[in-house]
Amino acid sequence: MVLVSTRKAEKFFKAKTEFTTGPMELQHMMEDEENINIIDVRTADDFAKGHIPGAISLPRDEWLTCKGLTKDRNNVIYCYSEVCHLAAEAAKEFASEGFPVIELEGGFEEWQKYNLPIVP
């Protein structure tokens, strides 16, 4: 096994912490009424079954509309779980359009693990 570059690791983790948030941190942002949009990129059916309070449904087939995104707020993007890459793909696409984005690590599954509020 080759040792990883510490400089590359430092850059990677700095970027990771700058562009990701956890469920508890997001909950605090919501409580503090921070200037954020919460964007759920799961299917419309799954959104209807339950989602994070205040979230806007923006499934993959609607990404081009950029519905709910604004350029004057951080847009927190989430999908299903840690192994789902929809949020990362959406964040990459939205960032390329000039929207500030943050990914919720662990997605909706992680939010539920912390027993945080869900809108049915």
C-alpha atoms as a PDB file:
ATOM      1  CA  MET A   1       0.000   0.000   0.000  1.00  0.00           C
ATOM      2  CA  VAL A   2       1.286   3.437  -0.947  1.00  0.00           C
ATOM      3  CA  LEU A   3       1.127   6.193   1.643  1.00  0.00           C
ATOM      4  CA  VAL A   4      -1.299   8.934   0.712  1.00  0.00           C
ATOM      5  CA  SER A   5      -0.124  12.476   0.216  1.00  0.00           C
ATOM      6  CA  THR A   6      -0.727  14.508   3.351  1.00  0.00           C
ATOM      7  CA  ARG A   7      -1.088  17.690   1.284  1.00  0.00           C
ATOM      8  CA  LYS A   8      -3.758  16.098  -0.891  1.00  0.00           C
ATOM      9  CA  ALA A   9      -5.508  14.748   2.198  1.00  0.00           C
ATOM     10  CA  GLU A  10      -5.451  18.176   3.825  1.00  0.00           C
ATOM     11  CA  LYS A  11      -6.962  19.799   0.706  1.00  0.00           C
ATOM     12  CA  PHE A  12      -9.576  17.060   0.380  1.00  0.00           C
ATOM     13  CA  PHE A  13     -10.774  17.244   3.981  1.00  0.00           C
ATOM     14  CA  LYS A  14     -10.740  21.040   4.008  1.00  0.00           C
ATOM     15  CA  ALA A  15     -12.982  21.038   0.937  1.00  0.00           C
ATOM     16  CA  LYS A  16     -15.146  18.268   2.379  1.00  0.00           C
ATOM     17  CA  THR A  17     -15.846  20.176   5.588  1.00  0.00           C
ATOM     18  CA  GLU A  18     -16.517  23.375   3.667  1.00  0.00           C
ATOM     19  CA  PHE A  19     -19.106  21.810   1.365  1.00  0.00           C
ATOM     20  CA  THR A  20     -20.832  19.267   3.630  1.00  0.00           C
ATOM     21  CA  THR A  21     -22.891  19.419   6.792  1.00  0.00           C
ATOM     22  CA  GLY A  22     -24.292  16.862   9.190  1.00  0.00           C
ATOM     23  CA  PRO A  23     -27.863  16.437  10.416  1.00  0.00           C
ATOM     24  CA  MET A  24     -27.310  18.137  13.777  1.00  0.00           C
ATOM     25  CA  GLU A  25     -25.541  21.083  12.187  1.00  0.00           C
ATOM     26  CA  LEU A  26     -28.393  21.474   9.690  1.00  0.00           C
ATOM     27  CA  GLN A  27     -30.916  21.325  12.535  1.00  0.00           C
ATOM     28  CA  HIS A  28     -29.029  24.156  14.287  1.00  0.00           C
ATOM     29  CA  MET A  29     -29.010  26.184  11.058  1.00  0.00           C
ATOM     30  CA  MET A  30     -32.778  25.731  10.836  1.00  0.00           C
ATOM     31  CA  GLU A  31     -33.308  26.689  14.493  1.00  0.00           C
ATOM     32  CA  ASP A  32     -31.110  29.767  14.054  1.00  0.00           C
ATOM     33  CA  GLU A  33     -33.127  30.641  10.946  1.00  0.00           C
ATOM     34  CA  GLU A  34     -29.980  30.810   8.848  1.00  0.00           C
ATOM     35  CA  ASN A  35     -30.355  31.907   5.261  1.00  0.00           C
ATOM     36  CA  ILE A  36     -30.585  28.442   3.658  1.00  0.00           C
ATOM     37  CA  ASN A  37     -32.719  26.498   1.214  1.00  0.00           C
ATOM     38  CA  ILE A  38     -33.164  22.775   1.790  1.00  0.00           C
ATOM     39  CA  ILE A  39     -33.450  20.774  -1.416  1.00  0.00           C
ATOM     40  CA  ASP A  40     -34.574  17.119  -1.503  1.00  0.00           C
ATOM     41  CA  VAL A  41     -33.434  15.390  -4.705  1.00  0.00           C
ATOM     42  CA  ARG A  42     -35.177  12.075  -3.989  1.00  0.00           C
ATOM     43  CA  THR A  43     -38.219  11.036  -6.020  1.00  0.00           C
ATOM     44  CA  ALA A  44     -41.455  12.990  -5.600  1.00  0.00           C
ATOM     45  CA  ASP A  45     -43.090   9.844  -4.151  1.00  0.00           C
ATOM     46  CA  ASP A  46     -40.413   9.482  -1.472  1.00  0.00           C
ATOM     47  CA  PHE A  47     -40.611  13.201  -0.692  1.00  0.00           C
ATOM     48  CA  ALA A  48     -44.382  12.820  -0.187  1.00  0.00           C
ATOM     49  CA  LYS A  49     -43.792   9.952   2.277  1.00  0.00           C
ATOM     50  CA  GLY A  50     -41.661  12.194   4.482  1.00  0.00           C
ATOM     51  CA  HIS A  51     -39.020  14.904   4.252  1.00  0.00           C
ATOM     52  CA  ILE A  52     -37.038  17.435   6.250  1.00  0.00           C
ATOM     53  CA  PRO A  53     -39.209  20.405   7.324  1.00  0.00           C
ATOM     54  CA  GLY A  54     -38.991  23.276   4.867  1.00  0.00           C
ATOM     55  CA  ALA A  55     -37.447  21.121   2.144  1.00  0.00           C
ATOM     56  CA  ILE A  56     -38.348  21.645  -1.493  1.00  0.00           C
ATOM     57  CA  SER A  57     -38.736  18.602  -3.739  1.00  0.00           C
ATOM     58  CA  LEU A  58     -36.459  18.719  -6.779  1.00  0.00           C
ATOM     59  CA  PRO A  59     -36.193  15.195  -8.243  1.00  0.00           C
ATOM     60  CA  ARG A  60     -33.583  14.470 -10.894  1.00  0.00           C
ATOM     61  CA  ASP A  61     -35.939  14.929 -13.838  1.00  0.00           C
ATOM     62  CA  GLU A  62     -36.560  18.523 -12.672  1.00  0.00           C
ATOM     63  CA  TRP A  63     -32.961  19.606 -11.992  1.00  0.00           C
ATOM     64  CA  LEU A  64     -32.852  21.823 -15.070  1.00  0.00           C
ATOM     65  CA  THR A  65     -35.627  23.970 -13.573  1.00  0.00           C
ATOM     66  CA  CYS A  66     -33.461  24.779 -10.516  1.00  0.00           C
ATOM     67  CA  LYS A  67     -36.766  25.115  -8.611  1.00  0.00           C
ATOM     68  CA  GLY A  68     -36.225  26.378  -5.071  1.00  0.00           C
ATOM     69  CA  LEU A  69     -32.558  27.232  -5.545  1.00  0.00           C
ATOM     70  CA  THR A  70     -31.298  30.764  -5.038  1.00  0.00           C
ATOM     71  CA  LYS A  71     -27.892  32.327  -5.562  1.00  0.00           C
ATOM     72  CA  ASP A  72     -28.080  34.479  -2.420  1.00  0.00           C
ATOM     73  CA  ARG A  73     -28.404  31.541   0.028  1.00  0.00           C
ATOM     74  CA  ASN A  74     -26.628  28.283   0.702  1.00  0.00           C
ATOM     75  CA  ASN A  75     -28.629  25.455  -0.839  1.00  0.00           C
ATOM     76  CA  VAL A  76     -28.406  22.324   1.322  1.00  0.00           C
ATOM     77  CA  ILE A  77     -28.907  19.284  -0.917  1.00  0.00           C
ATOM     78  CA  TYR A  78     -29.842  15.808   0.327  1.00  0.00           C
ATOM     79  CA  CYS A  79     -30.813  12.425  -1.068  1.00  0.00           C
ATOM     80  CA  TYR A  80     -31.397   8.992   0.457  1.00  0.00           C
ATOM     81  CA  SER A  81     -28.269   7.907   2.309  1.00  0.00           C
ATOM     82  CA  GLU A  82     -24.490   7.904   2.530  1.00  0.00           C
ATOM     83  CA  VAL A  83     -24.237   5.517  -0.425  1.00  0.00           C
ATOM     84  CA  CYS A  84     -26.586   7.558  -2.625  1.00  0.00           C
ATOM     85  CA  HIS A  85     -24.703   9.921  -4.898  1.00  0.00           C
ATOM     86  CA  LEU A  86     -27.694  11.900  -6.181  1.00  0.00           C
ATOM     87  CA  ALA A  87     -27.020  14.801  -3.809  1.00  0.00           C
ATOM     88  CA  ALA A  88     -23.373  15.020  -4.864  1.00  0.00           C
ATOM     89  CA  GLU A  89     -24.344  14.873  -8.545  1.00  0.00           C
ATOM     90  CA  ALA A  90     -27.003  17.545  -8.028  1.00  0.00           C
ATOM     91  CA  ALA A  91     -24.629  19.735  -6.016  1.00  0.00           C
ATOM     92  CA  LYS A  92     -22.030  19.520  -8.773  1.00  0.00           C
ATOM     93  CA  GLU A  93     -24.599  20.467 -11.414  1.00  0.00           C
ATOM     94  CA  PHE A  94     -26.111  23.307  -9.371  1.00  0.00           C
ATOM     95  CA  ALA A  95     -22.677  24.689  -8.453  1.00  0.00           C
ATOM     96  CA  SER A  96     -21.778  24.769 -12.147  1.00  0.00           C
ATOM     97  CA  GLU A  97     -24.848  26.999 -12.625  1.00  0.00           C
ATOM     98  CA  GLY A  98     -23.607  29.402  -9.929  1.00  0.00           C
ATOM     99  CA  PHE A  99     -25.669  28.204  -6.956  1.00  0.00           C
ATOM    100  CA  PRO A 100     -23.874  27.914  -3.580  1.00  0.00           C
ATOM    101  CA  VAL A 101     -24.347  24.316  -2.423  1.00  0.00           C
ATOM    102  CA  ILE A 102     -23.717  22.177   0.635  1.00  0.00           C
ATOM    103  CA  GLU A 103     -24.384  18.425   0.792  1.00  0.00           C
ATOM    104  CA  LEU A 104     -26.108  16.872   3.812  1.00  0.00           C
ATOM    105  CA  GLU A 105     -23.889  13.923   4.734  1.00  0.00           C
ATOM    106  CA  GLY A 106     -25.819  10.685   5.104  1.00  0.00           C
ATOM    107  CA  GLY A 107     -28.935  12.137   3.516  1.00  0.00           C
ATOM    108  CA  PHE A 108     -32.452  11.536   4.768  1.00  0.00           C
ATOM    109  CA  GLU A 109     -31.452   8.220   6.361  1.00  0.00           C
ATOM    110  CA  GLU A 110     -28.931   9.949   8.623  1.00  0.00           C
ATOM    111  CA  TRP A 111     -31.474  12.674   9.479  1.00  0.00           C
ATOM    112  CA  GLN A 112     -33.883   9.941  10.619  1.00  0.00           C
ATOM    113  CA  LYS A 113     -31.189   8.196  12.717  1.00  0.00           C
ATOM    114  CA  TYR A 114     -30.979  11.333  14.862  1.00  0.00           C
ATOM    115  CA  ASN A 115     -34.780  11.343  15.302  1.00  0.00           C
ATOM    116  CA  LEU A 116     -34.977  14.843  13.885  1.00  0.00           C
ATOM    117  CA  PRO A 117     -38.327  16.285  12.739  1.00  0.00           C
ATOM    118  CA  ILE A 118     -39.917  14.914   9.588  1.00  0.00           C
ATOM    119  CA  VAL A 119     -42.877  16.272   7.660  1.00  0.00           C
ATOM    120  CA  PRO A 120     -45.148  13.381   6.680  1.00  0.00           C
END
